[in-house]
Amino acid sequence: MAGTEPRLEVQALEVPKRDLKLTHHIFRYPAKFHPPVVRALLEKYTRPGQVVLDPFVGSGTSLVECAVMGRGSIGIDVDPVAVEVARAKTRNYDMRAVEEAFESILHEVAPLERSAEEYASRMFSDLSDAEYSDAKTEENLWIPEIPRLHHWFRRYVLIDLARILAVIESTEMDERVRSLSRVAFAAIIRNSSNADPVPVSGLEYTSHMKRKDEAGRYINPFALLRSSFKKCLSATAEYRRQLPIEAPEPVVLQGNAMDFRVGEEVDMVLTSPPYHNAVDYYRRHQLEMFWLGHTLNQDDRLELLPRYIGRPHVAAKDPLLKRDWSPGEIVGEWEEKMRVENPSRAADFRHYVTAMSSAFQRLSETLSVGSKALFVVGHSRWKGQEIPTGDIYEEISSDSFSLKEKLSYPIANRYMSYSRHNSASIDEEYVLVMQRR
């Protein structure tokens, strides 16, 4: 068990700087893997031709780096938006087909764009209910059934977004390129909405955004789309140039880290699991999930909820909370501390630990004896105390994995290094290098 062997000293991970952006920035995703960290770990622990598994793949950072370094890779994620983004970022496109598709879309949407004068006037006004309804009906526009739809979007913005999406879905093009176009469209949704694009914790119409609206906020989805297409075109071209000849295309699957199957042999695991109570991925991509049609209504969306690990406010009836609970020393101590102060937070913690225990068990069944599994974790804080996530992982995985090395590096990504109201600040991450027993 964890704690019965001498404690490993934490070694500094040397993370080289690199100018290449590849496709890492075509869609804003919270708590992303830092690409140079992925590259440093791949160089240190893998060789070309090996296959790497990331069971919490998110937006596909690890897969992009694997591809340009000549490693095969498989990514799994429960979030359908993450899966579509990761697939779009890791494909080797015919760049001429991408250029032609983007040009066709922009040509078709150009007559639908409002005048600059109207967008300026919309800084302080919106369509009336009747104008909105008439435009939607006359043009037969599909607008998703997002809860509190008009809280998140102005009416004219909804019409503009629906017009753009209709063109993307109806324009003739390769389906892989269409998916890239949809991701470029998804990338403008947050900035077209009333939601604050900065907080990583979830989906919020903050006081900051309210002040911007009161001062007058210029929102032109068509201009945002042009910018997004330009970024995508440049990024996918750069990614393609960096791919080795005959590089294997990453495989991206939608699935649950607690119960997944892969169809080929895996040499190593490299992943950054979700943080406990720090980022609510389920809420974060709610708007994009509806607009991309991955969920069609609230009931449909709620079916996804139990599959997310690390989320806050877990329902008492959740199946994972019904499982037998026999925690180790470290987990038991923290669960008891939280239960005394806040039973709800203790339940969230218990759910997280149980889910991650299942994920470790599934990984142990996937990897062969002696294979390595690298976990990038951050130590969040609760009530001013640091939660030792690394020690918790070591404890809950000890039946199948042994900790061989422990590395650390400061978080250079300002989008993840932040201070939260619940003191869950994360400004350093650790790499746990484990080996399958």
Protein backbone atom coordinates (compact mmCIF):
# COMPACT_ATOMS: atom_id res chain seq x y z
CA MET A 1 0.00 0.00 0.00
CA ALA A 2 1.01 3.64 -0.42
CA GLY A 3 3.12 4.90 2.42
CA THR A 4 4.85 1.56 3.18
CA GLU A 5 7.81 2.40 0.93
CA PRO A 6 10.31 5.30 1.21
CA ARG A 7 8.89 8.57 -0.06
CA LEU A 8 10.13 9.60 -3.50
CA GLU A 9 11.78 12.95 -3.87
CA VAL A 10 10.06 15.27 -6.31
CA GLN A 11 12.25 15.97 -9.31
CA ALA A 12 11.91 19.04 -11.51
CA LEU A 13 10.71 18.31 -15.02
CA GLU A 14 12.61 20.26 -17.64
CA VAL A 15 10.04 21.71 -20.01
CA PRO A 16 11.51 23.18 -23.20
CA LYS A 17 9.98 26.25 -24.78
CA ARG A 18 8.54 25.92 -28.27
CA ASP A 19 7.06 28.33 -30.77
CA LEU A 20 4.84 25.90 -32.70
CA LYS A 21 1.16 26.32 -31.88
CA LEU A 22 -0.11 23.54 -34.17
CA THR A 23 -3.86 23.08 -33.65
CA HIS A 24 -3.79 23.57 -29.88
CA HIS A 25 -5.60 26.91 -29.90
CA ILE A 26 -8.43 26.54 -32.40
CA PHE A 27 -10.91 25.95 -29.57
CA ARG A 28 -10.62 27.37 -26.06
CA TYR A 29 -10.65 24.50 -23.58
CA PRO A 30 -10.11 24.86 -19.82
CA ALA A 31 -7.30 23.16 -17.88
CA LYS A 32 -5.60 21.90 -21.02
CA PHE A 33 -2.44 19.85 -21.01
CA HIS A 34 0.50 22.21 -21.51
CA PRO A 35 1.88 21.05 -24.91
CA PRO A 36 5.60 21.40 -24.04
CA VAL A 37 4.98 19.21 -20.96
CA VAL A 38 3.42 16.52 -23.14
CA ARG A 39 6.34 16.71 -25.54
CA ALA A 40 8.90 16.48 -22.72
CA LEU A 41 7.18 13.41 -21.27
CA LEU A 42 6.86 11.70 -24.65
CA GLU A 43 10.55 12.28 -25.34
CA LYS A 44 11.50 10.92 -21.94
CA TYR A 45 9.28 7.86 -21.72
CA THR A 46 8.31 6.76 -25.27
CA ARG A 47 9.86 6.10 -28.65
CA PRO A 48 8.51 6.51 -32.19
CA GLY A 49 6.03 3.85 -33.23
CA GLN A 50 4.67 3.18 -29.76
CA VAL A 51 0.98 3.69 -28.95
CA VAL A 52 -0.08 6.05 -26.17
CA LEU A 53 -3.49 6.03 -24.50
CA ASP A 54 -5.10 9.13 -22.98
CA PRO A 55 -8.37 8.12 -21.22
CA PHE A 56 -9.15 11.75 -20.28
CA VAL A 57 -8.20 13.25 -23.63
CA GLY A 58 -10.14 16.52 -23.40
CA SER A 59 -9.47 18.63 -26.49
CA GLY A 60 -6.70 16.32 -27.72
CA THR A 61 -3.47 18.08 -26.74
CA SER A 62 -1.67 14.80 -26.05
CA LEU A 63 -2.82 13.31 -29.37
CA VAL A 64 -1.58 16.29 -31.38
CA GLU A 65 1.86 15.98 -29.79
CA CYS A 66 1.92 12.20 -30.27
CA ALA A 67 1.15 12.60 -33.97
CA VAL A 68 3.89 15.12 -34.72
CA MET A 69 6.36 12.98 -32.74
CA GLY A 70 5.55 9.80 -34.63
CA ARG A 71 3.66 8.05 -31.84
CA GLY A 72 0.35 6.34 -32.33
CA SER A 73 -2.35 7.43 -29.93
CA ILE A 74 -5.85 6.70 -28.68
CA GLY A 75 -7.92 9.29 -26.86
CA ILE A 76 -11.12 8.72 -24.88
CA ASP A 77 -13.44 11.29 -23.36
CA VAL A 78 -16.98 11.36 -22.03
CA ASP A 79 -17.68 14.86 -23.31
CA PRO A 80 -19.04 14.88 -26.91
CA VAL A 81 -17.77 18.41 -27.55
CA ALA A 82 -14.28 17.39 -26.45
CA VAL A 83 -14.42 14.36 -28.74
CA GLU A 84 -15.42 16.41 -31.80
CA VAL A 85 -12.77 19.03 -31.04
CA ALA A 86 -10.04 16.40 -30.53
CA ARG A 87 -10.94 14.67 -33.79
CA ALA A 88 -10.93 17.94 -35.71
CA LYS A 89 -7.54 18.93 -34.28
CA THR A 90 -5.79 15.66 -35.11
CA ARG A 91 -6.79 14.97 -38.71
CA ASN A 92 -4.41 15.23 -41.65
CA TYR A 93 -6.51 17.33 -44.01
CA ASP A 94 -6.33 17.97 -47.70
CA MET A 95 -5.65 21.67 -47.23
CA ARG A 96 -7.09 22.59 -50.60
CA ALA A 97 -10.39 20.97 -49.56
CA VAL A 98 -10.36 22.96 -46.32
CA GLU A 99 -9.68 26.22 -48.15
CA GLU A 100 -12.45 25.58 -50.66
CA ALA A 101 -14.97 24.65 -47.97
CA PHE A 102 -14.20 27.73 -45.88
CA GLU A 103 -14.41 29.95 -48.96
CA SER A 104 -17.76 28.42 -49.94
CA ILE A 105 -19.21 28.92 -46.48
CA LEU A 106 -18.05 32.52 -46.24
CA HIS A 107 -19.41 33.21 -49.73
CA GLU A 108 -22.82 31.79 -48.80
CA VAL A 109 -23.09 33.60 -45.46
CA ALA A 110 -21.91 36.99 -46.77
CA PRO A 111 -25.40 38.16 -47.90
CA LEU A 112 -26.80 37.16 -44.49
CA GLU A 113 -24.53 39.47 -42.49
CA ARG A 114 -26.08 42.64 -41.12
CA SER A 115 -24.61 46.05 -41.89
CA ALA A 116 -21.96 47.56 -39.64
CA GLU A 117 -24.46 50.25 -38.74
CA GLU A 118 -27.00 47.68 -37.55
CA TYR A 119 -24.43 45.82 -35.45
CA ALA A 120 -23.46 49.13 -33.89
CA SER A 121 -27.10 49.88 -33.08
CA ARG A 122 -27.49 46.40 -31.58
CA MET A 123 -24.96 47.30 -28.91
CA PHE A 124 -27.90 48.80 -27.03
CA SER A 125 -30.94 47.15 -28.61
CA ASP A 126 -32.18 43.76 -29.75
CA LEU A 127 -34.84 42.26 -31.99
CA SER A 128 -38.34 42.25 -30.59
CA ASP A 129 -40.00 38.92 -29.82
CA ALA A 130 -42.10 39.28 -32.97
CA GLU A 131 -39.09 40.10 -35.19
CA TYR A 132 -37.17 37.16 -33.75
CA SER A 133 -40.08 34.75 -34.23
CA ASP A 134 -40.75 35.95 -37.79
CA ALA A 135 -37.11 35.55 -38.86
CA LYS A 136 -36.89 32.11 -37.33
CA THR A 137 -40.10 30.95 -39.01
CA GLU A 138 -39.60 32.55 -42.43
CA GLU A 139 -36.08 31.17 -42.81
CA ASN A 140 -36.92 27.84 -41.17
CA LEU A 141 -33.96 28.24 -38.80
CA TRP A 142 -33.06 25.62 -36.23
CA ILE A 143 -32.16 27.10 -32.84
CA PRO A 144 -31.28 24.70 -30.00
CA GLU A 145 -33.49 24.29 -26.94
CA ILE A 146 -30.93 25.66 -24.49
CA PRO A 147 -32.36 26.23 -21.01
CA ARG A 148 -32.71 30.00 -20.36
CA LEU A 149 -31.86 30.60 -24.02
CA HIS A 150 -32.43 34.35 -23.96
CA HIS A 151 -30.40 34.71 -20.79
CA TRP A 152 -27.36 33.48 -22.68
CA PHE A 153 -27.93 35.04 -26.11
CA ARG A 154 -29.40 38.16 -27.65
CA ARG A 155 -32.13 37.43 -30.18
CA TYR A 156 -30.31 38.84 -33.20
CA VAL A 157 -27.23 36.79 -32.28
CA LEU A 158 -29.35 33.63 -32.19
CA ILE A 159 -30.61 34.37 -35.70
CA ASP A 160 -27.07 35.05 -36.95
CA LEU A 161 -25.65 31.86 -35.41
CA ALA A 162 -28.53 29.79 -36.80
CA ARG A 163 -27.95 31.23 -40.29
CA ILE A 164 -24.25 30.38 -40.13
CA LEU A 165 -24.84 26.85 -38.88
CA ALA A 166 -27.46 26.20 -41.58
CA VAL A 167 -24.91 27.08 -44.25
CA ILE A 168 -22.20 24.91 -42.67
CA GLU A 169 -24.53 21.92 -42.51
CA SER A 170 -25.89 22.34 -46.06
CA THR A 171 -22.72 23.20 -48.00
CA GLU A 172 -21.28 20.27 -49.93
CA MET A 173 -17.90 19.19 -48.54
CA ASP A 174 -15.96 16.25 -47.13
CA GLU A 175 -17.50 15.25 -43.79
CA ARG A 176 -14.14 15.51 -42.01
CA VAL A 177 -13.82 19.09 -43.21
CA ARG A 178 -17.42 19.74 -42.15
CA SER A 179 -16.51 18.63 -38.61
CA LEU A 180 -13.58 21.08 -38.64
CA SER A 181 -15.98 23.80 -39.81
CA ARG A 182 -18.36 22.93 -36.97
CA VAL A 183 -15.53 23.21 -34.44
CA ALA A 184 -14.54 26.59 -35.89
CA PHE A 185 -18.20 27.59 -35.46
CA ALA A 186 -18.25 26.23 -31.90
CA ALA A 187 -15.20 28.35 -31.13
CA ILE A 188 -17.22 31.56 -31.67
CA ILE A 189 -20.25 30.60 -29.57
CA ARG A 190 -18.83 31.64 -26.23
CA ASN A 191 -17.80 35.09 -27.47
CA SER A 192 -21.15 35.51 -29.18
CA SER A 193 -23.00 34.78 -25.96
CA ASN A 194 -23.47 36.63 -22.69
CA ALA A 195 -21.31 34.08 -20.87
CA ASP A 196 -17.95 35.25 -19.60
CA PRO A 197 -15.27 33.52 -21.73
CA VAL A 198 -12.61 33.68 -19.01
CA PRO A 199 -13.75 31.65 -15.96
CA VAL A 200 -12.82 27.97 -16.27
CA SER A 201 -15.18 26.81 -13.55
CA GLY A 202 -18.31 26.58 -15.67
CA LEU A 203 -20.86 28.81 -17.37
CA GLU A 204 -21.47 32.24 -15.87
CA TYR A 205 -23.01 35.57 -16.82
CA THR A 206 -20.71 37.54 -14.57
CA SER A 207 -20.88 41.09 -13.27
CA HIS A 208 -17.98 41.83 -15.62
CA MET A 209 -20.09 40.84 -18.62
CA LYS A 210 -23.07 42.81 -17.32
CA ARG A 211 -20.91 45.92 -17.11
CA LYS A 212 -19.71 45.34 -20.68
CA ASP A 213 -23.28 44.99 -21.88
CA GLU A 214 -24.33 48.17 -20.11
CA ALA A 215 -21.44 50.00 -21.78
CA GLY A 216 -22.42 48.53 -25.16
CA ARG A 217 -20.98 45.30 -26.54
CA TYR A 218 -20.43 44.86 -30.28
CA ILE A 219 -21.21 41.29 -31.33
CA ASN A 220 -20.89 40.27 -34.97
CA PRO A 221 -20.87 36.45 -35.27
CA PHE A 222 -19.93 36.65 -38.96
CA ALA A 223 -16.75 38.59 -38.17
CA LEU A 224 -15.97 36.10 -35.42
CA LEU A 225 -16.43 33.25 -37.90
CA ARG A 226 -14.01 34.80 -40.38
CA SER A 227 -11.41 35.10 -37.64
CA SER A 228 -12.02 31.52 -36.48
CA PHE A 229 -11.71 30.14 -40.02
CA LYS A 230 -8.45 32.05 -40.51
CA LYS A 231 -7.04 30.60 -37.29
CA CYS A 232 -8.17 27.06 -38.19
CA LEU A 233 -6.70 27.26 -41.67
CA SER A 234 -3.32 28.42 -40.42
CA ALA A 235 -3.27 25.92 -37.54
CA THR A 236 -4.23 22.84 -39.55
CA ALA A 237 -1.68 23.73 -42.23
CA GLU A 238 1.08 24.08 -39.65
CA TYR A 239 0.06 20.79 -38.01
CA ARG A 240 0.12 19.02 -41.38
CA ARG A 241 3.60 20.35 -42.15
CA GLN A 242 4.92 18.94 -38.87
CA LEU A 243 3.50 15.44 -39.32
CA PRO A 244 6.02 12.72 -40.18
CA ILE A 245 5.49 10.90 -43.45
CA GLU A 246 2.81 8.23 -43.04
CA ALA A 247 2.11 9.36 -39.49
CA PRO A 248 -0.70 7.28 -37.92
CA GLU A 249 -3.83 9.34 -37.38
CA PRO A 250 -4.92 9.43 -33.73
CA VAL A 251 -8.05 7.51 -32.77
CA VAL A 252 -10.61 9.45 -30.70
CA LEU A 253 -13.46 7.61 -28.98
CA GLN A 254 -16.34 8.82 -26.87
CA GLY A 255 -16.37 6.71 -23.75
CA ASN A 256 -16.09 6.53 -20.02
CA ALA A 257 -12.70 6.20 -18.33
CA MET A 258 -14.31 3.87 -15.80
CA ASP A 259 -15.42 1.39 -18.46
CA PHE A 260 -13.76 1.60 -21.89
CA ARG A 261 -12.36 -0.77 -24.50
CA VAL A 262 -9.55 -0.19 -26.99
CA GLY A 263 -9.01 -2.37 -30.02
CA GLU A 264 -5.23 -2.45 -30.07
CA GLU A 265 -2.23 -2.89 -27.81
CA VAL A 266 -1.22 0.14 -25.79
CA ASP A 267 2.37 0.81 -24.74
CA MET A 268 1.85 3.62 -22.25
CA VAL A 269 -0.78 5.85 -20.64
CA LEU A 270 -0.27 9.61 -20.55
CA THR A 271 -3.15 11.65 -19.20
CA SER A 272 -4.26 14.62 -17.15
CA PRO A 273 -7.33 13.48 -15.19
CA PRO A 274 -10.03 15.98 -14.23
CA TYR A 275 -9.45 18.03 -11.11
CA HIS A 276 -11.66 17.48 -8.10
CA ASN A 277 -14.21 20.31 -7.81
CA ALA A 278 -12.15 22.77 -9.85
CA VAL A 279 -13.51 22.71 -13.41
CA ASP A 280 -17.12 21.83 -14.19
CA TYR A 281 -16.72 20.46 -17.72
CA TYR A 282 -20.37 19.48 -17.85
CA ARG A 283 -21.49 23.10 -17.51
CA ARG A 284 -18.52 24.64 -19.30
CA HIS A 285 -19.50 23.38 -22.76
CA GLN A 286 -23.26 23.48 -22.36
CA LEU A 287 -23.83 26.10 -25.06
CA GLU A 288 -21.53 24.42 -27.59
CA MET A 289 -23.04 21.00 -26.84
CA PHE A 290 -26.53 22.22 -27.75
CA TRP A 291 -25.48 24.18 -30.83
CA LEU A 292 -23.54 21.21 -32.22
CA GLY A 293 -26.56 18.96 -31.67
CA HIS A 294 -24.85 16.60 -29.24
CA THR A 295 -27.77 17.14 -26.87
CA LEU A 296 -31.19 18.16 -28.17
CA ASN A 297 -32.98 18.95 -24.91
CA GLN A 298 -32.35 19.11 -21.19
CA ASP A 299 -33.44 15.51 -20.55
CA ASP A 300 -31.07 14.33 -23.25
CA ARG A 301 -28.28 16.34 -21.69
CA LEU A 302 -28.93 15.09 -18.17
CA GLU A 303 -28.23 11.54 -19.32
CA LEU A 304 -24.58 12.56 -19.73
CA LEU A 305 -24.21 13.98 -16.23
CA PRO A 306 -23.38 10.79 -14.26
CA ARG A 307 -20.43 10.06 -16.54
CA TYR A 308 -18.45 13.17 -15.58
CA ILE A 309 -15.71 12.75 -12.98
CA GLY A 310 -14.74 15.53 -10.59
CA ARG A 311 -17.98 17.48 -10.83
CA PRO A 312 -19.48 19.36 -7.87
CA HIS A 313 -22.91 18.80 -6.31
CA VAL A 314 -23.17 15.05 -6.91
CA ALA A 315 -26.70 13.76 -6.24
CA ALA A 316 -27.10 11.46 -3.24
CA LYS A 317 -28.72 8.85 -5.51
CA ASP A 318 -25.66 8.64 -7.79
CA PRO A 319 -24.72 4.96 -8.29
CA LEU A 320 -21.08 5.52 -7.34
CA LEU A 321 -22.13 6.76 -3.90
CA LYS A 322 -24.01 3.49 -3.39
CA ARG A 323 -20.88 1.37 -3.73
CA ASP A 324 -19.15 -0.17 -0.75
CA TRP A 325 -16.82 2.40 0.81
CA SER A 326 -13.59 1.12 2.39
CA PRO A 327 -11.13 3.98 1.96
CA GLY A 328 -7.44 3.87 2.68
CA GLU A 329 -5.82 5.97 5.38
CA ILE A 330 -5.30 9.16 3.35
CA VAL A 331 -8.67 9.11 1.59
CA GLY A 332 -10.50 8.22 4.80
CA GLU A 333 -8.89 11.09 6.70
CA TRP A 334 -9.85 13.65 4.05
CA GLU A 335 -13.37 12.34 3.59
CA GLU A 336 -13.94 12.57 7.35
CA LYS A 337 -12.59 16.13 7.50
CA MET A 338 -14.92 17.21 4.73
CA ARG A 339 -17.92 15.37 6.13
CA VAL A 340 -17.62 17.21 9.44
CA GLU A 341 -17.51 20.59 7.71
CA ASN A 342 -19.63 19.98 4.61
CA PRO A 343 -21.34 16.60 3.94
CA SER A 344 -22.11 17.62 0.35
CA ARG A 345 -18.45 18.34 -0.39
CA ALA A 346 -17.52 15.03 1.26
CA ALA A 347 -19.93 13.24 -1.09
CA ASP A 348 -18.32 14.97 -4.09
CA PHE A 349 -14.91 13.85 -2.86
CA ARG A 350 -16.08 10.28 -2.30
CA HIS A 351 -17.61 10.21 -5.79
CA TYR A 352 -14.34 11.47 -7.31
CA VAL A 353 -12.20 8.91 -5.48
CA THR A 354 -14.55 6.04 -6.34
CA ALA A 355 -14.61 7.06 -10.00
CA MET A 356 -10.84 7.40 -10.22
CA SER A 357 -10.41 4.04 -8.47
CA SER A 358 -12.55 2.46 -11.20
CA ALA A 359 -10.49 4.24 -13.85
CA PHE A 360 -7.24 2.88 -12.38
CA GLN A 361 -8.73 -0.61 -12.34
CA ARG A 362 -9.73 -0.34 -15.99
CA LEU A 363 -6.26 0.92 -16.93
CA SER A 364 -4.64 -1.98 -15.08
CA GLU A 365 -6.68 -4.36 -17.24
CA THR A 366 -5.58 -2.52 -20.40
CA LEU A 367 -1.84 -2.25 -19.76
CA SER A 368 0.60 -5.14 -19.69
CA VAL A 369 2.82 -5.77 -16.65
CA GLY A 370 5.74 -3.34 -16.56
CA SER A 371 4.05 -0.70 -18.73
CA LYS A 372 4.11 2.88 -17.51
CA ALA A 373 1.18 5.16 -16.79
CA LEU A 374 1.86 8.89 -16.37
CA PHE A 375 -0.69 11.04 -14.54
CA VAL A 376 -0.45 14.82 -14.49
CA VAL A 377 -2.21 16.11 -11.38
CA GLY A 378 -2.68 19.37 -9.53
CA HIS A 379 -2.99 19.70 -5.76
CA SER A 380 -6.03 21.87 -5.11
CA ARG A 381 -6.82 23.34 -1.72
CA TRP A 382 -9.76 23.05 0.66
CA LYS A 383 -10.24 25.21 3.77
CA GLY A 384 -6.68 26.47 3.34
CA GLN A 385 -5.22 22.95 3.27
CA GLU A 386 -3.63 21.32 0.25
CA ILE A 387 -5.42 18.18 -0.90
CA PRO A 388 -2.60 15.68 -1.67
CA THR A 389 -4.00 14.43 -4.96
CA GLY A 390 -0.77 12.64 -5.83
CA ASP A 391 -0.76 10.69 -2.57
CA ILE A 392 -4.45 9.88 -3.03
CA TYR A 393 -3.78 8.51 -6.52
CA GLU A 394 -0.91 6.43 -5.21
CA GLU A 395 -3.11 5.01 -2.46
CA ILE A 396 -6.13 4.13 -4.58
CA SER A 397 -4.03 2.57 -7.37
CA SER A 398 -1.59 0.63 -5.18
CA ASP A 399 -3.08 -2.80 -5.90
CA SER A 400 -2.18 -2.46 -9.58
CA PHE A 401 0.45 0.28 -9.88
CA SER A 402 3.63 1.26 -8.09
CA LEU A 403 4.92 4.83 -8.07
CA LYS A 404 8.38 5.00 -9.65
CA GLU A 405 9.00 8.73 -10.10
CA LYS A 406 7.43 12.04 -9.13
CA LEU A 407 8.09 15.16 -11.20
CA SER A 408 6.83 18.72 -10.92
CA TYR A 409 6.66 21.90 -12.96
CA PRO A 410 5.04 25.33 -12.51
CA ILE A 411 1.91 26.02 -14.53
CA ALA A 412 2.78 28.51 -17.24
CA ASN A 413 -0.72 28.43 -18.73
CA ARG A 414 -2.50 31.40 -17.16
CA TYR A 415 -5.80 29.94 -18.26
CA MET A 416 -5.44 27.26 -15.60
CA SER A 417 -3.38 28.95 -12.90
CA TYR A 418 -6.11 30.84 -11.12
CA SER A 419 -7.59 31.61 -7.74
CA ARG A 420 -11.08 30.43 -6.92
CA HIS A 421 -13.50 31.45 -4.20
CA ASN A 422 -13.25 27.98 -2.62
CA SER A 423 -9.43 28.22 -2.43
CA ALA A 424 -9.03 25.53 -5.08
CA SER A 425 -6.08 27.43 -6.56
CA ILE A 426 -3.67 25.39 -8.68
CA ASP A 427 -0.33 26.88 -9.66
CA GLU A 428 1.87 23.78 -9.89
CA GLU A 429 1.35 20.35 -11.35
CA TYR A 430 2.94 16.99 -10.64
CA VAL A 431 3.67 14.02 -12.88
CA LEU A 432 3.21 10.64 -11.24
CA VAL A 433 5.17 8.01 -13.16
CA MET A 434 3.56 4.70 -12.28
CA GLN A 435 4.29 1.18 -13.42
CA ARG A 436 1.83 -1.65 -13.88
CA ARG A 437 2.62 -4.28 -11.25
